[in-house]
Amino acid sequence: MYGANKGLRASLLILAIAFAGCATPPPPAPEPVPEVVETPVLPPPLPPSAPAPEPARPAPAKPAKVPPAKPITLAADCHFLRDSGESGDATLEVRDGTVRRMRTVIQAPGQGQCVFELADMKQTRSQPYVELRGRQTRCVARIRDDGKGGVTITFTNCAERCTPPSVFSKVRPIRFDGRGSRCE
């Protein structure tokens, strides 16, 4: 019996090998696909002496049509008192951009005063603003239309017109209303 068993085992082994030979092998494992990384293409570097290119600019907007400036015309004779305590008297007459009269006295209480007179200045501009420059000093007075129906006069480099000169640091622009009846 032992021999018959041996034959049966050999038959089963052959049969198992035969079936194993007929079976299809599992498909091979897919090969790993390398990850694709896109790198941006950069322009070649500029030589050190070449200027950097300018960034793109948006298209320019159409400029607004501004009406031509009218020459300044104003006649004013007024007194002002400010919250800071500064006070003054201003006389200003401008006709078609030409200054005919100007005298401004600004007082800083307890500190001194500044006096600006047309006789000490010469007119150097009449449009779009009026400019007066000191004949013997660097003082500049500019009279501008403030766009709100009034006129403003400002003073620059005029410490020589003040006693003592340090008072000029207290001087602020003077605004005249359009009728010239008020100033501040």
N, C-alpha and C. Protein backbone atom coordinates (compact mmCIF):
# COMPACT_ATOMS: atom_id res chain seq x y z
N MET A 1 0.78 -1.17 0.00
CA MET A 1 0.00 0.00 0.00
C MET A 1 0.84 1.25 0.00
N TYR A 2 1.88 1.07 0.62
CA TYR A 2 2.74 2.21 0.71
C TYR A 2 3.17 2.64 -0.67
N GLY A 3 3.39 1.73 -1.59
CA GLY A 3 3.84 2.02 -2.95
C GLY A 3 2.74 2.68 -3.73
N ALA A 4 1.45 2.29 -3.50
CA ALA A 4 0.34 2.90 -4.24
C ALA A 4 0.18 4.35 -3.82
N ASN A 5 0.40 4.59 -2.57
CA ASN A 5 0.32 5.95 -2.06
C ASN A 5 1.38 6.82 -2.69
N LYS A 6 2.50 6.27 -2.90
CA LYS A 6 3.60 7.01 -3.48
C LYS A 6 3.24 7.41 -4.89
N GLY A 7 2.60 6.53 -5.63
CA GLY A 7 2.21 6.82 -7.01
C GLY A 7 1.14 7.90 -7.06
N LEU A 8 0.23 7.84 -6.07
CA LEU A 8 -0.84 8.84 -6.01
C LEU A 8 -0.24 10.20 -5.74
N ARG A 9 0.71 10.21 -4.86
CA ARG A 9 1.34 11.50 -4.55
C ARG A 9 2.04 12.03 -5.77
N ALA A 10 2.73 11.25 -6.51
CA ALA A 10 3.46 11.68 -7.69
C ALA A 10 2.48 12.18 -8.73
N SER A 11 1.32 11.49 -8.86
CA SER A 11 0.32 11.91 -9.84
C SER A 11 -0.24 13.28 -9.45
N LEU A 12 -0.52 13.44 -8.18
CA LEU A 12 -1.07 14.73 -7.73
C LEU A 12 -0.04 15.84 -7.94
N LEU A 13 1.20 15.55 -7.73
CA LEU A 13 2.24 16.56 -7.89
C LEU A 13 2.33 16.96 -9.36
N ILE A 14 2.29 15.97 -10.26
CA ILE A 14 2.36 16.27 -11.68
C ILE A 14 1.16 17.09 -12.10
N LEU A 15 -0.01 16.66 -11.58
CA LEU A 15 -1.24 17.37 -11.91
C LEU A 15 -1.16 18.82 -11.41
N ALA A 16 -0.64 19.06 -10.24
CA ALA A 16 -0.52 20.40 -9.68
C ALA A 16 0.44 21.22 -10.51
N ILE A 17 1.53 20.63 -10.96
CA ILE A 17 2.50 21.35 -11.79
C ILE A 17 1.88 21.68 -13.12
N ALA A 18 1.10 20.76 -13.66
CA ALA A 18 0.47 20.99 -14.96
C ALA A 18 -0.51 22.15 -14.85
N PHE A 19 -1.33 22.12 -13.79
CA PHE A 19 -2.27 23.23 -13.62
C PHE A 19 -1.54 24.55 -13.38
N ALA A 20 -0.46 24.50 -12.66
CA ALA A 20 0.29 25.71 -12.39
C ALA A 20 0.89 26.26 -13.67
N GLY A 21 1.28 25.40 -14.59
CA GLY A 21 1.84 25.82 -15.86
C GLY A 21 0.80 26.46 -16.74
N CYS A 22 -0.47 26.04 -16.61
CA CYS A 22 -1.54 26.60 -17.43
C CYS A 22 -2.03 27.92 -16.88
N ALA A 23 -1.85 28.16 -15.65
CA ALA A 23 -2.34 29.40 -15.04
C ALA A 23 -1.50 30.56 -15.54
N THR A 24 -2.17 31.71 -15.77
CA THR A 24 -1.43 32.90 -16.23
C THR A 24 -0.83 33.59 -15.01
N PRO A 25 0.37 34.02 -15.18
CA PRO A 25 1.02 34.69 -14.05
C PRO A 25 0.35 36.06 -13.81
N PRO A 26 0.43 36.54 -12.63
CA PRO A 26 -0.15 37.87 -12.36
C PRO A 26 0.59 38.91 -13.20
N PRO A 27 -0.12 39.95 -13.57
CA PRO A 27 0.54 40.97 -14.40
C PRO A 27 1.68 41.60 -13.60
N PRO A 28 2.71 42.00 -14.32
CA PRO A 28 3.83 42.60 -13.60
C PRO A 28 3.39 43.92 -12.96
N ALA A 29 4.01 44.24 -11.87
CA ALA A 29 3.70 45.49 -11.17
C ALA A 29 4.05 46.65 -12.09
N PRO A 30 3.17 47.64 -12.14
CA PRO A 30 3.49 48.77 -13.03
C PRO A 30 4.74 49.47 -12.55
N GLU A 31 5.50 49.89 -13.53
CA GLU A 31 6.73 50.59 -13.19
C GLU A 31 6.36 51.97 -12.65
N PRO A 32 7.04 52.41 -11.65
CA PRO A 32 6.71 53.73 -11.11
C PRO A 32 6.96 54.81 -12.17
N VAL A 33 5.97 55.74 -12.32
CA VAL A 33 6.09 56.85 -13.28
C VAL A 33 6.75 58.01 -12.54
N PRO A 34 7.82 58.51 -13.11
CA PRO A 34 8.47 59.62 -12.41
C PRO A 34 7.54 60.85 -12.40
N GLU A 35 7.56 61.58 -11.28
CA GLU A 35 6.72 62.77 -11.14
C GLU A 35 7.28 63.87 -12.03
N VAL A 36 6.40 64.49 -12.82
CA VAL A 36 6.83 65.54 -13.73
C VAL A 36 6.64 66.88 -13.02
N VAL A 37 7.68 67.63 -12.89
CA VAL A 37 7.62 68.95 -12.28
C VAL A 37 7.96 69.97 -13.35
N GLU A 38 7.00 70.88 -13.58
CA GLU A 38 7.25 71.90 -14.60
C GLU A 38 8.05 73.02 -13.98
N THR A 39 9.13 73.36 -14.60
CA THR A 39 9.93 74.47 -14.12
C THR A 39 9.76 75.62 -15.11
N PRO A 40 9.55 76.83 -14.60
CA PRO A 40 9.36 77.95 -15.52
C PRO A 40 10.64 78.22 -16.29
N VAL A 41 10.46 78.64 -17.50
CA VAL A 41 11.60 78.99 -18.32
C VAL A 41 11.94 80.44 -18.02
N LEU A 42 13.10 80.68 -17.49
CA LEU A 42 13.52 82.03 -17.12
C LEU A 42 14.35 82.62 -18.24
N PRO A 43 14.23 83.96 -18.42
CA PRO A 43 15.08 84.58 -19.44
C PRO A 43 16.53 84.52 -18.97
N PRO A 44 17.42 84.58 -19.90
CA PRO A 44 18.84 84.53 -19.49
C PRO A 44 19.16 85.75 -18.63
N PRO A 45 20.06 85.60 -17.69
CA PRO A 45 20.40 86.74 -16.83
C PRO A 45 21.02 87.87 -17.65
N LEU A 46 20.74 89.11 -17.22
CA LEU A 46 21.27 90.28 -17.90
C LEU A 46 22.72 90.47 -17.49
N PRO A 47 23.51 90.97 -18.41
CA PRO A 47 24.89 91.28 -18.01
C PRO A 47 24.86 92.38 -16.95
N PRO A 48 25.85 92.46 -16.10
CA PRO A 48 25.84 93.43 -15.00
C PRO A 48 25.71 94.87 -15.47
N SER A 49 26.16 95.20 -16.65
CA SER A 49 26.11 96.60 -17.09
C SER A 49 24.78 96.97 -17.74
N ALA A 50 23.94 96.00 -18.07
CA ALA A 50 22.68 96.30 -18.75
C ALA A 50 21.64 96.77 -17.73
N PRO A 51 20.82 97.81 -18.09
CA PRO A 51 19.78 98.27 -17.16
C PRO A 51 18.65 97.25 -17.08
N ALA A 52 18.00 97.21 -15.93
CA ALA A 52 16.87 96.28 -15.74
C ALA A 52 15.70 96.75 -16.60
N PRO A 53 14.96 95.81 -17.19
CA PRO A 53 13.81 96.23 -18.00
C PRO A 53 12.73 96.83 -17.12
N GLU A 54 12.01 97.82 -17.67
CA GLU A 54 10.93 98.47 -16.92
C GLU A 54 9.71 97.58 -16.91
N PRO A 55 8.97 97.58 -15.79
CA PRO A 55 7.74 96.78 -15.75
C PRO A 55 6.70 97.38 -16.69
N ALA A 56 5.78 96.55 -17.12
CA ALA A 56 4.73 97.02 -18.02
C ALA A 56 3.89 98.07 -17.32
N ARG A 57 3.54 99.12 -18.03
CA ARG A 57 2.74 100.20 -17.46
C ARG A 57 1.35 100.16 -18.05
N PRO A 58 0.36 100.51 -17.24
CA PRO A 58 -0.99 100.56 -17.80
C PRO A 58 -1.10 101.70 -18.80
N ALA A 59 -2.04 101.59 -19.69
CA ALA A 59 -2.23 102.63 -20.69
C ALA A 59 -2.57 103.94 -19.98
N PRO A 60 -1.99 105.05 -20.42
CA PRO A 60 -2.26 106.32 -19.75
C PRO A 60 -3.72 106.71 -19.90
N ALA A 61 -4.26 107.27 -18.82
CA ALA A 61 -5.64 107.74 -18.86
C ALA A 61 -5.68 109.06 -19.61
N LYS A 62 -6.81 109.34 -20.19
CA LYS A 62 -6.95 110.61 -20.89
C LYS A 62 -6.93 111.72 -19.86
N PRO A 63 -6.11 112.74 -20.09
CA PRO A 63 -6.07 113.83 -19.11
C PRO A 63 -7.40 114.58 -19.10
N ALA A 64 -7.76 115.00 -17.89
CA ALA A 64 -9.00 115.76 -17.76
C ALA A 64 -8.80 117.13 -18.39
N LYS A 65 -9.83 117.59 -19.05
CA LYS A 65 -9.75 118.90 -19.66
C LYS A 65 -9.98 119.95 -18.57
N VAL A 66 -8.93 120.71 -18.31
CA VAL A 66 -8.99 121.74 -17.29
C VAL A 66 -9.18 123.07 -18.00
N PRO A 67 -10.17 123.82 -17.59
CA PRO A 67 -10.34 125.12 -18.24
C PRO A 67 -9.13 126.00 -17.95
N PRO A 68 -8.77 126.87 -18.87
CA PRO A 68 -7.62 127.73 -18.62
C PRO A 68 -7.88 128.61 -17.39
N ALA A 69 -6.82 128.83 -16.62
CA ALA A 69 -6.94 129.63 -15.40
C ALA A 69 -7.26 131.07 -15.76
N LYS A 70 -8.19 131.63 -15.00
CA LYS A 70 -8.50 133.05 -15.19
C LYS A 70 -7.55 133.85 -14.33
N PRO A 71 -7.16 135.01 -14.78
CA PRO A 71 -6.30 135.85 -13.94
C PRO A 71 -7.04 136.20 -12.65
N ILE A 72 -6.28 136.29 -11.57
CA ILE A 72 -6.87 136.60 -10.26
C ILE A 72 -7.26 138.07 -10.21
N THR A 73 -8.46 138.31 -9.70
CA THR A 73 -8.95 139.66 -9.46
C THR A 73 -9.59 139.67 -8.08
N LEU A 74 -9.11 140.57 -7.22
CA LEU A 74 -9.63 140.64 -5.85
C LEU A 74 -9.30 142.00 -5.26
N ALA A 75 -10.21 142.54 -4.50
CA ALA A 75 -9.95 143.76 -3.73
C ALA A 75 -10.37 143.43 -2.30
N ALA A 76 -9.42 143.49 -1.37
CA ALA A 76 -9.71 143.13 0.02
C ALA A 76 -9.03 144.08 0.97
N ASP A 77 -9.73 144.37 2.04
CA ASP A 77 -9.19 145.17 3.14
C ASP A 77 -9.84 144.61 4.39
N CYS A 78 -9.11 143.81 5.15
CA CYS A 78 -9.75 143.11 6.26
C CYS A 78 -8.80 142.94 7.44
N HIS A 79 -9.40 142.54 8.56
CA HIS A 79 -8.69 142.26 9.80
C HIS A 79 -9.01 140.82 10.18
N PHE A 80 -8.03 140.08 10.72
CA PHE A 80 -8.31 138.71 11.16
C PHE A 80 -7.72 138.47 12.54
N LEU A 81 -8.34 137.53 13.25
CA LEU A 81 -7.89 137.09 14.56
C LEU A 81 -8.05 135.57 14.59
N ARG A 82 -6.97 134.87 14.85
CA ARG A 82 -6.98 133.41 14.84
C ARG A 82 -7.03 132.85 16.25
N ASP A 83 -7.45 131.59 16.36
CA ASP A 83 -7.52 130.92 17.66
C ASP A 83 -6.16 130.89 18.34
N SER A 84 -5.09 130.87 17.56
CA SER A 84 -3.73 130.82 18.11
C SER A 84 -3.32 132.15 18.75
N GLY A 85 -4.15 133.19 18.55
CA GLY A 85 -3.82 134.50 19.08
C GLY A 85 -3.21 135.41 18.03
N GLU A 86 -2.75 134.83 16.94
CA GLU A 86 -2.18 135.61 15.84
C GLU A 86 -3.28 136.50 15.25
N SER A 87 -2.93 137.73 14.94
CA SER A 87 -3.90 138.65 14.34
C SER A 87 -3.20 139.44 13.25
N GLY A 88 -4.01 140.12 12.46
CA GLY A 88 -3.40 140.91 11.40
C GLY A 88 -4.38 141.74 10.62
N ASP A 89 -3.80 142.60 9.82
CA ASP A 89 -4.56 143.44 8.90
C ASP A 89 -3.99 143.19 7.51
N ALA A 90 -4.88 143.03 6.55
CA ALA A 90 -4.43 142.73 5.18
C ALA A 90 -5.17 143.62 4.19
N THR A 91 -4.40 144.25 3.33
CA THR A 91 -4.94 145.01 2.21
C THR A 91 -4.35 144.39 0.97
N LEU A 92 -5.21 143.98 0.06
CA LEU A 92 -4.74 143.34 -1.17
C LEU A 92 -5.65 143.72 -2.32
N GLU A 93 -5.05 144.22 -3.38
CA GLU A 93 -5.82 144.52 -4.60
C GLU A 93 -5.06 143.93 -5.78
N VAL A 94 -5.74 143.02 -6.47
CA VAL A 94 -5.18 142.37 -7.65
C VAL A 94 -6.19 142.51 -8.77
N ARG A 95 -5.77 143.01 -9.92
CA ARG A 95 -6.65 143.17 -11.09
C ARG A 95 -6.04 142.42 -12.27
N ASP A 96 -6.77 141.42 -12.75
CA ASP A 96 -6.32 140.62 -13.90
C ASP A 96 -4.88 140.12 -13.72
N GLY A 97 -4.58 139.65 -12.52
CA GLY A 97 -3.28 139.05 -12.24
C GLY A 97 -2.18 140.04 -11.91
N THR A 98 -2.48 141.33 -11.87
CA THR A 98 -1.48 142.34 -11.53
C THR A 98 -1.78 142.90 -10.16
N VAL A 99 -0.78 142.86 -9.26
CA VAL A 99 -0.95 143.37 -7.90
C VAL A 99 -0.82 144.88 -7.95
N ARG A 100 -1.85 145.57 -7.44
CA ARG A 100 -1.84 147.04 -7.41
C ARG A 100 -1.55 147.56 -6.01
N ARG A 101 -2.03 146.83 -4.99
CA ARG A 101 -1.77 147.20 -3.60
C ARG A 101 -1.60 145.93 -2.77
N MET A 102 -0.65 145.99 -1.84
CA MET A 102 -0.51 144.89 -0.88
C MET A 102 0.21 145.42 0.34
N ARG A 103 -0.41 145.23 1.47
CA ARG A 103 0.21 145.52 2.77
C ARG A 103 -0.43 144.57 3.75
N THR A 104 0.41 143.77 4.38
CA THR A 104 -0.07 142.80 5.36
C THR A 104 0.80 142.93 6.60
N VAL A 105 0.14 143.08 7.75
CA VAL A 105 0.83 143.12 9.04
C VAL A 105 0.28 141.96 9.86
N ILE A 106 1.18 141.08 10.29
CA ILE A 106 0.78 139.92 11.09
C ILE A 106 1.48 140.04 12.44
N GLN A 107 0.68 139.95 13.51
CA GLN A 107 1.23 140.09 14.86
C GLN A 107 1.08 138.79 15.63
N ALA A 108 2.16 138.37 16.26
CA ALA A 108 2.14 137.22 17.17
C ALA A 108 2.21 137.82 18.57
N PRO A 109 1.15 137.68 19.36
CA PRO A 109 1.09 138.37 20.65
C PRO A 109 2.29 138.08 21.55
N GLY A 110 2.89 139.16 22.01
CA GLY A 110 4.02 139.04 22.93
C GLY A 110 5.31 138.58 22.28
N GLN A 111 5.30 138.38 20.95
CA GLN A 111 6.50 137.87 20.29
C GLN A 111 7.06 138.82 19.23
N GLY A 112 6.19 139.52 18.51
CA GLY A 112 6.67 140.43 17.48
C GLY A 112 5.69 140.49 16.32
N GLN A 113 6.16 141.01 15.19
CA GLN A 113 5.29 141.14 14.04
C GLN A 113 6.06 141.01 12.73
N CYS A 114 5.30 140.78 11.65
CA CYS A 114 5.86 140.72 10.30
C CYS A 114 5.09 141.71 9.44
N VAL A 115 5.80 142.41 8.55
CA VAL A 115 5.17 143.38 7.67
C VAL A 115 5.59 143.07 6.23
N PHE A 116 4.58 142.91 5.36
CA PHE A 116 4.83 142.63 3.95
C PHE A 116 4.20 143.75 3.14
N GLU A 117 5.01 144.44 2.31
CA GLU A 117 4.50 145.56 1.51
C GLU A 117 4.92 145.40 0.06
N LEU A 118 4.03 145.82 -0.83
CA LEU A 118 4.29 145.74 -2.27
C LEU A 118 5.53 146.55 -2.64
N ALA A 119 5.78 147.66 -1.98
CA ALA A 119 6.93 148.51 -2.30
C ALA A 119 8.25 147.77 -2.14
N ASP A 120 8.29 146.75 -1.27
CA ASP A 120 9.52 145.98 -1.02
C ASP A 120 9.66 144.78 -1.96
N MET A 121 8.67 144.60 -2.87
CA MET A 121 8.66 143.39 -3.70
C MET A 121 8.43 143.77 -5.16
N LYS A 122 8.76 142.84 -6.04
CA LYS A 122 8.46 143.02 -7.46
C LYS A 122 7.69 141.79 -7.94
N GLN A 123 6.75 142.01 -8.84
CA GLN A 123 5.93 140.91 -9.34
C GLN A 123 6.71 140.17 -10.42
N THR A 124 6.76 138.83 -10.30
CA THR A 124 7.50 138.00 -11.25
C THR A 124 6.61 137.04 -12.03
N ARG A 125 5.35 136.86 -11.58
CA ARG A 125 4.40 135.98 -12.28
C ARG A 125 3.00 136.55 -12.12
N SER A 126 2.16 136.22 -13.13
CA SER A 126 0.76 136.64 -13.00
C SER A 126 -0.20 135.47 -13.23
N GLN A 127 0.28 134.36 -13.81
CA GLN A 127 -0.58 133.19 -14.02
C GLN A 127 0.25 131.93 -13.96
N PRO A 128 -0.25 130.79 -13.54
CA PRO A 128 -1.58 130.54 -12.99
C PRO A 128 -1.73 131.09 -11.57
N TYR A 129 -0.66 131.56 -10.98
CA TYR A 129 -0.73 132.23 -9.68
C TYR A 129 0.13 133.48 -9.77
N VAL A 130 -0.08 134.39 -8.85
CA VAL A 130 0.69 135.63 -8.80
C VAL A 130 1.87 135.40 -7.87
N GLU A 131 3.04 135.85 -8.29
CA GLU A 131 4.23 135.69 -7.44
C GLU A 131 4.92 137.03 -7.31
N LEU A 132 5.27 137.36 -6.06
CA LEU A 132 6.03 138.58 -5.74
C LEU A 132 7.32 138.14 -5.06
N ARG A 133 8.44 138.73 -5.46
CA ARG A 133 9.73 138.41 -4.84
C ARG A 133 10.32 139.67 -4.23
N GLY A 134 10.99 139.49 -3.10
CA GLY A 134 11.61 140.63 -2.42
C GLY A 134 12.68 141.28 -3.29
N ARG A 135 12.70 142.60 -3.27
CA ARG A 135 13.72 143.34 -4.05
C ARG A 135 15.10 143.18 -3.41
N GLN A 136 15.16 143.17 -2.09
CA GLN A 136 16.43 143.09 -1.38
C GLN A 136 16.55 141.82 -0.54
N THR A 137 15.50 140.96 -0.54
CA THR A 137 15.49 139.76 0.30
C THR A 137 15.09 138.54 -0.54
N ARG A 138 15.12 137.38 0.09
CA ARG A 138 14.69 136.14 -0.58
C ARG A 138 13.20 135.89 -0.39
N CYS A 139 12.50 136.81 0.21
CA CYS A 139 11.08 136.66 0.52
C CYS A 139 10.26 136.46 -0.76
N VAL A 140 9.32 135.50 -0.72
CA VAL A 140 8.43 135.23 -1.85
C VAL A 140 7.00 135.19 -1.32
N ALA A 141 6.10 135.92 -1.98
CA ALA A 141 4.68 135.86 -1.66
C ALA A 141 3.97 135.29 -2.88
N ARG A 142 3.10 134.31 -2.65
CA ARG A 142 2.33 133.70 -3.75
C ARG A 142 0.85 133.87 -3.46
N ILE A 143 0.13 134.35 -4.46
CA ILE A 143 -1.31 134.58 -4.35
C ILE A 143 -1.96 133.61 -5.31
N ARG A 144 -2.82 132.72 -4.76
CA ARG A 144 -3.42 131.65 -5.57
C ARG A 144 -4.93 131.64 -5.40
N ASP A 145 -5.60 131.24 -6.47
CA ASP A 145 -7.03 130.93 -6.40
C ASP A 145 -7.11 129.58 -5.71
N ASP A 146 -7.85 129.48 -4.61
CA ASP A 146 -7.87 128.22 -3.85
C ASP A 146 -8.88 127.21 -4.38
N GLY A 147 -9.59 127.55 -5.45
CA GLY A 147 -10.54 126.61 -6.04
C GLY A 147 -11.84 126.49 -5.26
N LYS A 148 -11.98 127.25 -4.19
CA LYS A 148 -13.19 127.20 -3.37
C LYS A 148 -13.86 128.57 -3.33
N GLY A 149 -13.59 129.38 -4.33
CA GLY A 149 -14.19 130.71 -4.39
C GLY A 149 -13.40 131.76 -3.64
N GLY A 150 -12.22 131.44 -3.19
CA GLY A 150 -11.40 132.40 -2.46
C GLY A 150 -9.99 132.48 -3.00
N VAL A 151 -9.19 133.29 -2.35
CA VAL A 151 -7.80 133.51 -2.75
C VAL A 151 -6.94 133.36 -1.49
N THR A 152 -5.79 132.73 -1.62
CA THR A 152 -4.88 132.53 -0.49
C THR A 152 -3.53 133.15 -0.81
N ILE A 153 -2.95 133.84 0.18
CA ILE A 153 -1.60 134.38 0.03
C ILE A 153 -0.69 133.66 1.02
N THR A 154 0.45 133.17 0.52
CA THR A 154 1.42 132.48 1.36
C THR A 154 2.76 133.20 1.27
N PHE A 155 3.56 133.07 2.31
CA PHE A 155 4.87 133.72 2.36
C PHE A 155 5.94 132.66 2.60
N THR A 156 7.06 132.77 1.89
CA THR A 156 8.16 131.82 2.01
C THR A 156 9.48 132.59 2.14
N ASN A 157 10.37 132.13 3.01
CA ASN A 157 11.70 132.74 3.20
C ASN A 157 11.61 134.23 3.53
N CYS A 158 10.69 134.58 4.40
CA CYS A 158 10.46 136.00 4.70
C CYS A 158 10.82 136.40 6.12
N ALA A 159 11.70 135.68 6.78
CA ALA A 159 12.07 136.01 8.16
C ALA A 159 12.64 137.42 8.27
N GLU A 160 13.26 137.92 7.19
CA GLU A 160 13.83 139.27 7.21
C GLU A 160 12.76 140.34 7.34
N ARG A 161 11.52 140.00 7.03
CA ARG A 161 10.41 140.95 7.09
C ARG A 161 9.77 140.97 8.48
N CYS A 162 10.35 140.20 9.43
CA CYS A 162 9.76 140.07 10.77
C CYS A 162 10.72 140.59 11.83
N THR A 163 10.13 141.11 12.93
CA THR A 163 10.91 141.59 14.06
C THR A 163 10.39 140.90 15.30
N PRO A 164 11.15 140.06 15.94
CA PRO A 164 12.40 139.44 15.49
C PRO A 164 12.14 138.41 14.38
N PRO A 165 13.17 138.02 13.64
CA PRO A 165 12.99 137.07 12.53
C PRO A 165 12.35 135.74 12.92
N SER A 166 12.51 135.33 14.19
CA SER A 166 11.94 134.05 14.63
C SER A 166 10.41 134.05 14.58
N VAL A 167 9.77 135.22 14.55
CA VAL A 167 8.31 135.31 14.50
C VAL A 167 7.79 134.71 13.19
N PHE A 168 8.61 134.70 12.15
CA PHE A 168 8.14 134.18 10.86
C PHE A 168 7.67 132.73 10.96
N SER A 169 8.21 131.97 11.90
CA SER A 169 7.78 130.57 12.06
C SER A 169 6.30 130.48 12.47
N LYS A 170 5.72 131.57 12.96
CA LYS A 170 4.31 131.58 13.37
C LYS A 170 3.37 131.99 12.22
N VAL A 171 3.92 132.53 11.15
CA VAL A 171 3.10 133.06 10.05
C VAL A 171 2.43 131.92 9.29
N ARG A 172 1.13 132.04 9.09
CA ARG A 172 0.33 131.06 8.34
C ARG A 172 -0.27 131.75 7.12
N PRO A 173 -0.66 130.98 6.11
CA PRO A 173 -1.30 131.58 4.93
C PRO A 173 -2.56 132.36 5.33
N ILE A 174 -2.88 133.35 4.55
CA ILE A 174 -4.09 134.16 4.77
C ILE A 174 -5.04 133.86 3.63
N ARG A 175 -6.28 133.50 3.98
CA ARG A 175 -7.30 133.22 2.97
C ARG A 175 -8.32 134.34 2.96
N PHE A 176 -8.59 134.84 1.74
CA PHE A 176 -9.60 135.87 1.53
C PHE A 176 -10.81 135.21 0.89
N ASP A 177 -12.01 135.58 1.34
CA ASP A 177 -13.18 135.04 0.64
C ASP A 177 -13.26 135.69 -0.73
N GLY A 178 -14.07 135.16 -1.60
CA GLY A 178 -14.13 135.64 -2.98
C GLY A 178 -14.54 137.09 -3.14
N ARG A 179 -15.28 137.62 -2.17
CA ARG A 179 -15.71 139.02 -2.24
C ARG A 179 -14.69 139.96 -1.63
N GLY A 180 -13.73 139.42 -0.87
CA GLY A 180 -12.71 140.26 -0.25
C GLY A 180 -13.17 140.92 1.04
N SER A 181 -14.34 140.55 1.50
CA SER A 181 -14.85 141.19 2.73
C SER A 181 -14.33 140.51 3.99
N ARG A 182 -13.89 139.25 3.87
CA ARG A 182 -13.40 138.53 5.05
C ARG A 182 -12.05 137.91 4.74
N CYS A 183 -11.22 137.81 5.77
CA CYS A 183 -9.97 137.06 5.64
C CYS A 183 -9.75 136.30 6.93
N GLU A 184 -9.00 135.24 6.84
CA GLU A 184 -8.74 134.39 8.00
C GLU A 184 -7.34 133.83 7.93
